[in-house]
Amino acid sequence: MTSLAGRLRSCLVCLALAASLAAPAFADQQAVIKQDQGQAGVTDFTLANGMQVVVIPDRRAPIVTHMVWYKVGSADEPPGRSGIAHFFEHLMFKATKTYPEGAFDKAVAAIGGSDNAFTSYDYTCFHETVPPEALGEMMAFEADRMRNLILDDKTVATERDVILEERRARVDNDPGALLSEQVDATLWQNQPYRIPVIGWKQEIETLGRTEAMAFYDRYYRPNNAILVVAGDVEPDQVRALAEDTYGKLERGPDLPPRIRPVEPEQAARRTVTLADARVGEPSFSTQWVVPSYHTAKPGEAEALDLLSEILGGGPRSRLYQELVVKKKVATGAGAAFQGTMLDDTSFVVYAQPRDGTGLADTEAAVNAEVARVATGGVTGDELERAKDRFIRATIFARDRQDAMANMYGATLATGGTVADIATWPDRIRKVTPDQIKAVAARYLVPERSVSGYLLPKPEVAK
């Protein structure tokens, strides 16, 4: 690949730039594990150098997914250095003391495998899907670049141009992504989630080798990493390979707790409007700051997850049925809760008005449904049906090997445990209608919301 555009790597930051669902809901990540592949089948242990290892046997196909999760993301970046986490994800594919640039990718391609990486607010992940016999080779490559990366000023400058091109293509050229950035910067007044994962353009331009190497030496250490292996493997085999590769790396200095600025109490409704000639149809979303699974009181995050399912989890949800099916004022409507975050997170409702329906009418209909839950709650039958849909969807999600690995990696990287994953279905089942009503009334308060409006600009188009 020679062009800048061709060398842009697919990564989670690209998803995070989309206007609505920046990260999958907890339900999509906390997949239910089959009884015959349950807690007893999942093995976790820690190497002597502090690297945590999780093994998820899945022998339905002769493949294995190998993931290394670093507990560092864009929210951990130093002030004025936004984008360094995502930037360094790209730099990890460069030369090491052992292998020339491109050797890792070529080795994966030669065996018919796939490899990539992604960056989020709270973690960075590198992953490969390969035949089981290649697992040791993948571990050797990943262990090598964890500590043996070679960077020079020219390499860093070239990759910085790639990042800037990625930002131009995926943000500056997308009105929805531009609005999403502005909404995030308004929703979060103090927390680093207000800064885009890809970084601000003027700060990306200042990133150089010095900043990159400081970031590498601080965070890319075995005691700040989680190894997740899912697929046609045996735990003892994975342990032996891990000790022979990652286990030989020296433990890094202990990092301080990931304590970030605390979000103040929000006391005003805010709106963000973007009108752009490239927009064909208007849309809007409303967001609130709510607890995540890591910060919530017992039962709150589970209730928020189910609230998102009841309000806007699909064609059977309240928003879809009322706005799209019955009132016919919208072409689409939904809700989402991003539960797998280290700090507080967001809850969002959104809709696109139907032709001939004003945006204000559609928004009023959405607000009415939110208020109806906050004041009147939900029925027991409605909640039970939502639980069934919710858990059934997660059962289907775990059929994908990479989804299982993602589930464990994201949970562990954001303060969760293997036990949290195993007990999640039971906790969902225990949520009551009163808890649903309570979280809606407590957190989905109009006076604490941020609404984003994406509008056409007809005078420019004309």
Protein backbone atom coordinates (compact mmCIF):
# COMPACT_ATOMS: atom_id res chain seq x y z
CA MET A 1 0.00 0.00 0.00
CA THR A 2 1.50 3.32 -1.03
CA SER A 3 -1.12 6.07 -0.80
CA LEU A 4 -1.97 7.77 2.47
CA ALA A 5 -5.60 6.80 2.11
CA GLY A 6 -4.67 3.19 1.40
CA ARG A 7 -2.57 3.01 4.51
CA LEU A 8 -5.32 4.13 6.88
CA ARG A 9 -5.93 1.25 9.27
CA SER A 10 -9.44 0.26 10.35
CA CYS A 11 -9.83 1.07 14.05
CA LEU A 12 -12.45 1.72 16.72
CA VAL A 13 -11.79 5.42 16.57
CA CYS A 14 -13.52 5.34 13.20
CA LEU A 15 -16.64 3.98 14.87
CA ALA A 16 -16.32 6.46 17.71
CA LEU A 17 -16.52 9.27 15.20
CA ALA A 18 -20.01 8.23 14.08
CA ALA A 19 -22.72 10.53 15.32
CA SER A 20 -24.57 8.21 17.64
CA LEU A 21 -23.20 4.87 18.84
CA ALA A 22 -19.58 5.53 19.75
CA ALA A 23 -19.22 2.19 21.53
CA PRO A 24 -21.37 -0.91 21.72
CA ALA A 25 -23.81 -1.18 24.55
CA PHE A 26 -22.86 -3.39 27.46
CA ALA A 27 -25.33 -5.97 26.19
CA ASP A 28 -23.35 -6.34 22.97
CA GLN A 29 -20.08 -6.81 24.83
CA GLN A 30 -21.19 -8.71 27.93
CA ALA A 31 -22.26 -11.78 25.99
CA VAL A 32 -23.80 -14.68 27.85
CA ILE A 33 -21.60 -17.77 27.97
CA LYS A 34 -23.05 -21.20 27.26
CA GLN A 35 -23.25 -23.60 30.19
CA ASP A 36 -20.82 -25.97 28.49
CA GLN A 37 -18.47 -23.04 27.82
CA GLY A 38 -19.26 -21.21 31.03
CA GLN A 39 -17.21 -19.95 33.91
CA ALA A 40 -15.64 -23.37 34.38
CA GLY A 41 -14.36 -23.27 30.79
CA VAL A 42 -12.81 -19.81 31.03
CA THR A 43 -9.36 -19.69 32.57
CA ASP A 44 -7.60 -16.57 33.81
CA PHE A 45 -4.19 -16.18 35.40
CA THR A 46 -1.42 -13.61 35.74
CA LEU A 47 2.17 -13.98 34.56
CA ALA A 48 5.02 -13.19 36.93
CA ASN A 49 5.58 -9.83 35.20
CA GLY A 50 1.98 -8.75 35.85
CA MET A 51 0.37 -9.50 32.48
CA GLN A 52 -3.20 -10.77 32.91
CA VAL A 53 -4.24 -13.70 30.69
CA VAL A 54 -7.73 -14.97 29.84
CA VAL A 55 -8.33 -18.16 27.84
CA ILE A 56 -11.76 -18.86 26.31
CA PRO A 57 -11.87 -22.34 24.72
CA ASP A 58 -14.14 -22.58 21.67
CA ARG A 59 -13.56 -25.68 19.57
CA ARG A 60 -16.32 -25.20 16.98
CA ALA A 61 -13.81 -24.12 14.33
CA PRO A 62 -10.03 -24.54 13.93
CA ILE A 63 -9.20 -20.87 14.43
CA VAL A 64 -8.03 -18.72 17.32
CA THR A 65 -8.41 -15.04 18.15
CA HIS A 66 -5.42 -13.50 19.90
CA MET A 67 -5.81 -10.05 21.48
CA VAL A 68 -3.53 -7.80 23.51
CA TRP A 69 -5.36 -5.02 25.36
CA TYR A 70 -3.43 -2.10 26.82
CA LYS A 71 -5.15 -0.24 29.64
CA VAL A 72 -4.61 3.13 28.05
CA GLY A 73 -6.81 5.13 25.71
CA SER A 74 -7.43 8.66 24.61
CA ALA A 75 -8.83 9.67 28.01
CA ASP A 76 -5.40 8.93 29.54
CA GLU A 77 -3.50 11.34 27.29
CA PRO A 78 -1.61 14.27 28.81
CA PRO A 79 -3.13 17.74 28.26
CA GLY A 80 -2.28 19.20 24.88
CA ARG A 81 -1.38 15.81 23.40
CA SER A 82 -4.76 14.64 22.16
CA GLY A 83 -4.59 11.82 19.63
CA ILE A 84 -1.34 10.30 20.92
CA ALA A 85 -3.04 7.02 21.93
CA HIS A 86 -4.53 6.49 18.48
CA PHE A 87 -1.34 7.78 16.84
CA PHE A 88 0.72 5.23 18.71
CA GLU A 89 -1.63 2.44 17.70
CA HIS A 90 -0.51 3.18 14.12
CA LEU A 91 3.16 3.38 15.08
CA MET A 92 3.07 -0.11 16.61
CA PHE A 93 3.01 -1.52 13.06
CA LYS A 94 6.49 -0.14 12.32
CA ALA A 95 9.88 -1.86 12.51
CA THR A 96 11.31 -3.41 15.67
CA LYS A 97 14.79 -4.48 16.63
CA THR A 98 13.88 -7.97 15.44
CA TYR A 99 11.66 -7.50 12.37
CA PRO A 100 11.49 -4.97 9.53
CA GLU A 101 8.34 -2.94 8.97
CA GLY A 102 5.58 -5.05 7.45
CA ALA A 103 6.99 -8.43 8.54
CA PHE A 104 4.16 -9.00 11.04
CA ASP A 105 1.42 -8.23 8.49
CA LYS A 106 3.08 -10.43 5.87
CA ALA A 107 3.36 -13.35 8.29
CA VAL A 108 -0.34 -13.11 9.13
CA ALA A 109 -1.37 -12.82 5.48
CA ALA A 110 0.82 -15.80 4.50
CA ILE A 111 -1.22 -18.13 6.71
CA GLY A 112 -4.57 -16.70 5.64
CA GLY A 113 -5.13 -14.82 8.88
CA SER A 114 -6.17 -11.27 9.65
CA ASP A 115 -4.78 -8.62 11.99
CA ASN A 116 -5.66 -5.09 13.01
CA ALA A 117 -6.00 -2.75 15.98
CA PHE A 118 -8.34 -0.18 17.47
CA THR A 119 -8.25 2.65 19.99
CA SER A 120 -11.01 3.80 22.31
CA TYR A 121 -11.30 6.19 25.23
CA ASP A 122 -10.18 3.63 27.81
CA TYR A 123 -8.06 1.05 25.98
CA THR A 124 -6.05 0.15 22.89
CA CYS A 125 -6.23 -3.35 21.39
CA PHE A 126 -4.16 -5.31 18.88
CA HIS A 127 -5.61 -8.54 17.50
CA GLU A 128 -5.08 -11.42 15.09
CA THR A 129 -7.27 -14.29 13.93
CA VAL A 130 -5.19 -17.24 12.74
CA PRO A 131 -5.03 -21.07 12.71
CA PRO A 132 -4.24 -22.51 16.18
CA GLU A 133 -0.77 -23.67 15.15
CA ALA A 134 0.21 -20.04 14.49
CA LEU A 135 -0.66 -18.82 18.00
CA GLY A 136 2.91 -19.04 19.27
CA GLU A 137 4.16 -17.01 16.33
CA MET A 138 1.54 -14.30 16.98
CA MET A 139 2.56 -14.10 20.62
CA ALA A 140 6.20 -13.78 19.64
CA PHE A 141 5.42 -10.90 17.26
CA GLU A 142 3.24 -9.06 19.80
CA ALA A 143 5.71 -9.55 22.64
CA ASP A 144 8.49 -8.25 20.41
CA ARG A 145 6.75 -5.00 19.50
CA MET A 146 5.60 -4.46 23.08
CA ARG A 147 9.17 -3.45 23.99
CA ASN A 148 11.39 -3.48 20.86
CA LEU A 149 9.77 -0.87 18.64
CA ILE A 150 12.14 1.39 16.65
CA LEU A 151 11.00 4.88 15.75
CA ASP A 152 12.82 7.67 13.96
CA ASP A 153 11.69 11.20 13.17
CA LYS A 154 10.94 10.41 9.53
CA THR A 155 8.75 7.42 10.37
CA VAL A 156 6.82 9.40 12.97
CA ALA A 157 6.31 12.37 10.63
CA THR A 158 5.03 10.15 7.82
CA GLU A 159 2.54 8.39 10.07
CA ARG A 160 1.41 11.72 11.50
CA ASP A 161 0.41 12.71 7.95
CA VAL A 162 -1.59 9.47 7.76
CA ILE A 163 -3.47 10.37 10.95
CA LEU A 164 -4.20 13.87 9.69
CA GLU A 165 -5.54 12.41 6.44
CA GLU A 166 -7.69 10.01 8.43
CA ARG A 167 -9.13 12.91 10.40
CA ARG A 168 -9.88 14.85 7.22
CA ALA A 169 -11.59 11.84 5.64
CA ARG A 170 -13.57 10.59 8.60
CA VAL A 171 -14.34 13.76 10.55
CA ASP A 172 -13.88 16.95 8.57
CA ASN A 173 -15.64 15.43 5.56
CA ASP A 174 -18.57 14.04 7.60
CA PRO A 175 -21.11 16.49 9.06
CA GLY A 176 -22.40 13.83 11.43
CA ALA A 177 -18.92 13.25 12.84
CA LEU A 178 -18.34 16.98 13.19
CA LEU A 179 -21.57 17.36 15.13
CA SER A 180 -20.70 14.36 17.30
CA GLU A 181 -17.43 16.01 18.30
CA GLN A 182 -19.20 19.21 19.26
CA VAL A 183 -21.88 17.37 21.22
CA ASP A 184 -19.26 15.42 23.16
CA ALA A 185 -17.34 18.60 23.93
CA THR A 186 -20.58 20.08 25.29
CA LEU A 187 -21.85 17.03 27.16
CA TRP A 188 -18.60 16.59 29.09
CA GLN A 189 -17.58 19.77 30.88
CA ASN A 190 -14.54 18.41 32.72
CA GLN A 191 -14.04 14.73 31.86
CA PRO A 192 -11.52 13.81 29.09
CA TYR A 193 -14.23 11.94 27.15
CA ARG A 194 -14.98 15.41 25.77
CA ILE A 195 -11.86 15.14 23.58
CA PRO A 196 -12.16 13.06 20.36
CA VAL A 197 -10.28 9.77 20.27
CA ILE A 198 -8.54 10.76 17.05
CA GLY A 199 -7.49 14.07 18.62
CA TRP A 200 -7.83 17.72 17.71
CA LYS A 201 -6.12 18.65 14.44
CA GLN A 202 -3.93 21.39 15.90
CA GLU A 203 -2.61 19.03 18.58
CA ILE A 204 -2.04 16.08 16.25
CA GLU A 205 0.20 18.35 14.19
CA THR A 206 2.51 18.85 17.20
CA LEU A 207 3.01 15.16 17.99
CA GLY A 208 6.55 13.90 17.40
CA ARG A 209 8.97 11.15 18.29
CA THR A 210 9.62 12.46 21.80
CA GLU A 211 5.94 12.34 22.76
CA ALA A 212 5.51 8.94 21.09
CA MET A 213 8.44 7.29 22.90
CA ALA A 214 7.38 8.72 26.26
CA PHE A 215 3.90 7.28 25.73
CA TYR A 216 5.37 3.91 24.67
CA ASP A 217 7.73 3.62 27.63
CA ARG A 218 5.02 4.52 30.11
CA TYR A 219 2.10 2.38 28.96
CA TYR A 220 3.28 -0.44 26.70
CA ARG A 221 4.38 -2.80 29.45
CA PRO A 222 3.23 -6.33 30.33
CA ASN A 223 1.85 -5.22 33.70
CA ASN A 224 -0.42 -2.76 31.88
CA ALA A 225 -1.68 -5.34 29.37
CA ILE A 226 -4.31 -8.06 29.13
CA LEU A 227 -3.90 -11.08 26.85
CA VAL A 228 -7.16 -12.65 25.67
CA VAL A 229 -7.09 -15.87 23.62
CA ALA A 230 -10.34 -17.37 22.34
CA GLY A 231 -10.74 -20.37 20.11
CA ASP A 232 -9.49 -23.87 19.48
CA VAL A 233 -6.89 -23.92 22.25
CA GLU A 234 -6.17 -25.53 25.63
CA PRO A 235 -5.48 -23.31 28.66
CA ASP A 236 -2.25 -25.15 29.50
CA GLN A 237 -1.03 -24.64 25.95
CA VAL A 238 -1.77 -20.91 26.11
CA ARG A 239 -0.05 -20.60 29.49
CA ALA A 240 3.11 -22.28 28.18
CA LEU A 241 3.23 -20.12 25.06
CA ALA A 242 2.53 -16.94 27.03
CA GLU A 243 5.26 -17.65 29.54
CA ASP A 244 7.71 -18.39 26.72
CA THR A 245 6.98 -15.08 24.95
CA TYR A 246 5.32 -12.38 27.06
CA GLY A 247 6.68 -13.89 30.26
CA LYS A 248 10.23 -13.04 29.23
CA LEU A 249 9.50 -9.32 29.16
CA GLU A 250 10.53 -7.20 32.10
CA ARG A 251 7.79 -5.79 34.28
CA GLY A 252 7.40 -2.04 33.95
CA PRO A 253 7.05 0.53 36.73
CA ASP A 254 3.71 0.37 38.51
CA LEU A 255 1.34 2.96 37.13
CA PRO A 256 -0.75 5.16 39.42
CA PRO A 257 -4.52 4.60 39.56
CA ARG A 258 -6.43 5.93 36.55
CA ILE A 259 -8.06 8.82 38.38
CA ARG A 260 -9.49 11.40 36.00
CA PRO A 261 -11.21 14.76 36.49
CA VAL A 262 -14.67 14.41 38.02
CA GLU A 263 -17.65 15.70 36.05
CA PRO A 264 -19.49 18.51 37.90
CA GLU A 265 -23.23 18.48 38.49
CA GLN A 266 -24.84 19.71 35.29
CA ALA A 267 -27.58 22.32 35.74
CA ALA A 268 -28.54 23.55 32.26
CA ARG A 269 -30.00 22.16 29.08
CA ARG A 270 -27.67 22.75 26.14
CA THR A 271 -28.15 22.51 22.40
CA VAL A 272 -25.67 22.15 19.54
CA THR A 273 -26.76 22.84 15.96
CA LEU A 274 -24.85 22.13 12.77
CA ALA A 275 -26.29 23.11 9.40
CA ASP A 276 -24.38 21.77 6.40
CA ALA A 277 -25.08 21.67 2.67
CA ARG A 278 -23.96 18.02 2.63
CA VAL A 279 -26.84 16.98 4.93
CA GLY A 280 -29.83 15.54 3.09
CA GLU A 281 -32.27 14.93 5.96
CA PRO A 282 -32.38 16.44 9.45
CA SER A 283 -31.87 14.38 12.59
CA PHE A 284 -31.37 14.95 16.28
CA SER A 285 -30.15 13.23 19.42
CA THR A 286 -30.37 13.99 23.12
CA GLN A 287 -27.76 12.76 25.59
CA TRP A 288 -27.28 12.64 29.33
CA VAL A 289 -24.34 11.78 31.58
CA VAL A 290 -25.14 8.55 33.46
CA PRO A 291 -23.14 5.98 35.44
CA SER A 292 -21.31 3.14 33.69
CA TYR A 293 -21.02 -0.41 34.96
CA HIS A 294 -17.81 0.64 36.68
CA THR A 295 -19.23 3.71 38.45
CA ALA A 296 -22.88 2.82 39.03
CA LYS A 297 -24.51 1.80 42.27
CA PRO A 298 -25.63 -1.86 42.39
CA GLY A 299 -28.38 -2.48 39.85
CA GLU A 300 -28.28 0.97 38.21
CA ALA A 301 -26.24 0.07 35.13
CA GLU A 302 -28.33 -3.03 34.51
CA ALA A 303 -31.47 -0.89 34.75
CA LEU A 304 -30.02 1.66 32.31
CA ASP A 305 -29.16 -1.15 29.90
CA LEU A 306 -32.74 -2.43 29.99
CA LEU A 307 -34.11 1.10 29.78
CA SER A 308 -32.22 1.56 26.51
CA GLU A 309 -33.71 -1.71 25.25
CA ILE A 310 -37.26 -0.72 26.22
CA LEU A 311 -37.00 2.81 24.87
CA GLY A 312 -35.07 2.23 21.67
CA GLY A 313 -33.56 -1.23 21.35
CA GLY A 314 -35.15 -2.14 18.03
CA PRO A 315 -38.45 -2.41 16.17
CA ARG A 316 -40.28 -3.58 19.31
CA SER A 317 -39.13 -0.64 21.40
CA ARG A 318 -41.36 2.22 22.54
CA LEU A 319 -39.71 4.85 20.40
CA TYR A 320 -39.88 2.80 17.23
CA GLN A 321 -43.44 1.65 17.79
CA GLU A 322 -44.76 5.09 18.70
CA LEU A 323 -42.83 7.29 16.26
CA VAL A 324 -42.29 5.03 13.26
CA VAL A 325 -45.16 2.55 13.33
CA LYS A 326 -48.08 4.36 14.97
CA LYS A 327 -47.61 8.12 14.61
CA LYS A 328 -45.46 7.87 11.47
CA VAL A 329 -43.50 10.99 12.38
CA ALA A 330 -40.05 9.37 12.05
CA THR A 331 -38.18 7.06 9.72
CA GLY A 332 -36.00 5.80 12.54
CA ALA A 333 -35.65 6.16 16.29
CA GLY A 334 -33.68 4.48 19.05
CA ALA A 335 -31.69 4.68 22.24
CA ALA A 336 -28.28 3.50 23.44
CA PHE A 337 -26.35 3.13 26.68
CA GLN A 338 -22.57 2.82 26.51
CA GLY A 339 -22.06 0.85 29.70
CA THR A 340 -18.52 -0.48 29.27
CA MET A 341 -16.56 2.62 30.23
CA LEU A 342 -14.06 3.29 33.02
CA ASP A 343 -15.81 6.47 34.15
CA ASP A 344 -19.36 7.78 33.80
CA THR A 345 -20.84 7.39 30.37
CA SER A 346 -23.72 8.62 28.21
CA PHE A 347 -27.29 7.62 27.49
CA VAL A 348 -28.70 8.77 24.13
CA VAL A 349 -32.04 8.87 22.35
CA TYR A 350 -32.28 9.83 18.68
CA ALA A 351 -34.66 10.07 15.73
CA GLN A 352 -34.94 11.12 12.08
CA PRO A 353 -38.23 12.83 11.10
CA ARG A 354 -40.29 11.55 8.21
CA ASP A 355 -40.69 13.79 5.14
CA GLY A 356 -43.30 16.41 5.86
CA THR A 357 -42.88 16.15 9.63
CA GLY A 358 -41.13 18.94 11.45
CA LEU A 359 -38.07 18.15 13.53
CA ALA A 360 -39.71 19.83 16.53
CA ASP A 361 -42.70 17.47 16.33
CA THR A 362 -40.46 14.42 16.18
CA GLU A 363 -38.37 15.64 19.09
CA ALA A 364 -41.50 16.33 21.14
CA ALA A 365 -42.69 12.77 20.53
CA VAL A 366 -39.33 11.37 21.69
CA ASN A 367 -39.36 13.53 24.81
CA ALA A 368 -42.89 12.39 25.59
CA GLU A 369 -41.84 8.74 25.56
CA VAL A 370 -38.88 9.43 27.84
CA ALA A 371 -41.11 11.35 30.24
CA ARG A 372 -43.70 8.57 30.17
CA VAL A 373 -41.17 6.08 31.51
CA ALA A 374 -39.79 8.52 34.09
CA THR A 375 -43.27 9.26 35.50
CA GLY A 376 -45.25 6.11 34.79
CA GLY A 377 -42.60 3.44 34.64
CA VAL A 378 -42.92 0.20 32.68
CA THR A 379 -45.07 -2.88 33.14
CA GLY A 380 -43.76 -6.16 34.45
CA ASP A 381 -44.58 -7.94 31.20
CA GLU A 382 -42.86 -5.25 29.15
CA LEU A 383 -39.74 -5.56 31.27
CA GLU A 384 -39.68 -9.35 31.07
CA ARG A 385 -39.99 -9.26 27.30
CA ALA A 386 -37.13 -6.76 27.16
CA LYS A 387 -34.99 -9.02 29.35
CA ASP A 388 -35.70 -11.97 27.07
CA ARG A 389 -34.76 -9.99 23.95
CA PHE A 390 -31.72 -8.54 25.63
CA ILE A 391 -30.26 -11.79 26.89
CA ARG A 392 -31.21 -13.68 23.73
CA ALA A 393 -29.33 -11.12 21.66
CA THR A 394 -26.25 -11.55 23.80
CA ILE A 395 -26.43 -15.33 23.44
CA PHE A 396 -26.37 -14.92 19.68
CA ALA A 397 -23.54 -12.40 19.94
CA ARG A 398 -21.27 -14.86 21.73
CA ASP A 399 -21.38 -17.19 18.72
CA ARG A 400 -18.65 -14.99 17.27
CA GLN A 401 -15.27 -15.88 18.66
CA ASP A 402 -13.93 -12.35 18.33
CA ALA A 403 -17.02 -11.01 20.12
CA MET A 404 -16.22 -13.23 23.10
CA ALA A 405 -12.64 -12.00 23.18
CA ASN A 406 -13.81 -8.39 22.87
CA MET A 407 -16.24 -8.88 25.72
CA TYR A 408 -13.56 -10.00 28.14
CA GLY A 409 -10.93 -7.53 27.02
CA ALA A 410 -13.18 -4.47 27.19
CA THR A 411 -14.61 -5.49 30.56
CA LEU A 412 -11.24 -6.14 32.18
CA ALA A 413 -9.70 -2.98 30.70
CA THR A 414 -12.45 -0.84 32.26
CA GLY A 415 -12.31 -2.16 35.81
CA GLY A 416 -14.50 -5.26 35.51
CA THR A 417 -13.70 -8.88 36.30
CA VAL A 418 -14.27 -12.31 34.80
CA ALA A 419 -16.83 -12.89 37.55
CA ASP A 420 -18.75 -9.78 36.47
CA ILE A 421 -19.26 -11.33 33.05
CA ALA A 422 -20.45 -14.63 34.48
CA THR A 423 -23.00 -13.01 36.81
CA TRP A 424 -24.30 -10.40 34.37
CA PRO A 425 -27.34 -12.39 33.12
CA ASP A 426 -28.50 -13.03 36.69
CA ARG A 427 -28.17 -9.34 37.53
CA ILE A 428 -30.19 -8.41 34.46
CA ARG A 429 -32.90 -10.85 35.46
CA LYS A 430 -33.22 -9.22 38.90
CA VAL A 431 -33.98 -5.70 37.60
CA THR A 432 -37.46 -4.52 38.65
CA PRO A 433 -39.91 -2.05 37.05
CA ASP A 434 -39.27 0.32 39.96
CA GLN A 435 -35.55 0.39 39.13
CA ILE A 436 -36.27 1.24 35.50
CA LYS A 437 -38.52 4.11 36.53
CA ALA A 438 -35.98 5.31 39.12
CA VAL A 439 -33.02 5.58 36.73
CA ALA A 440 -35.17 7.28 34.09
CA ALA A 441 -36.44 9.84 36.60
CA ARG A 442 -33.02 10.39 38.15
CA TYR A 443 -30.83 10.65 35.08
CA LEU A 444 -32.94 11.50 32.00
CA VAL A 445 -33.73 15.01 33.19
CA PRO A 446 -34.34 17.56 30.39
CA GLU A 447 -32.55 20.30 32.33
CA ARG A 448 -29.33 18.26 32.29
CA SER A 449 -29.38 17.17 28.67
CA VAL A 450 -27.47 18.05 25.52
CA SER A 451 -29.34 17.92 22.21
CA GLY A 452 -27.58 17.88 18.87
CA TYR A 453 -29.31 18.94 15.64
CA LEU A 454 -27.97 18.03 12.21
CA LEU A 455 -29.72 20.16 9.60
CA PRO A 456 -29.62 20.67 5.84
CA LYS A 457 -28.53 24.06 4.59
CA PRO A 458 -30.98 24.69 1.71
CA GLU A 459 -29.84 28.22 0.92
CA VAL A 460 -26.32 26.96 0.16
CA ALA A 461 -27.59 23.99 -1.85
CA LYS A 462 -29.82 26.34 -3.87
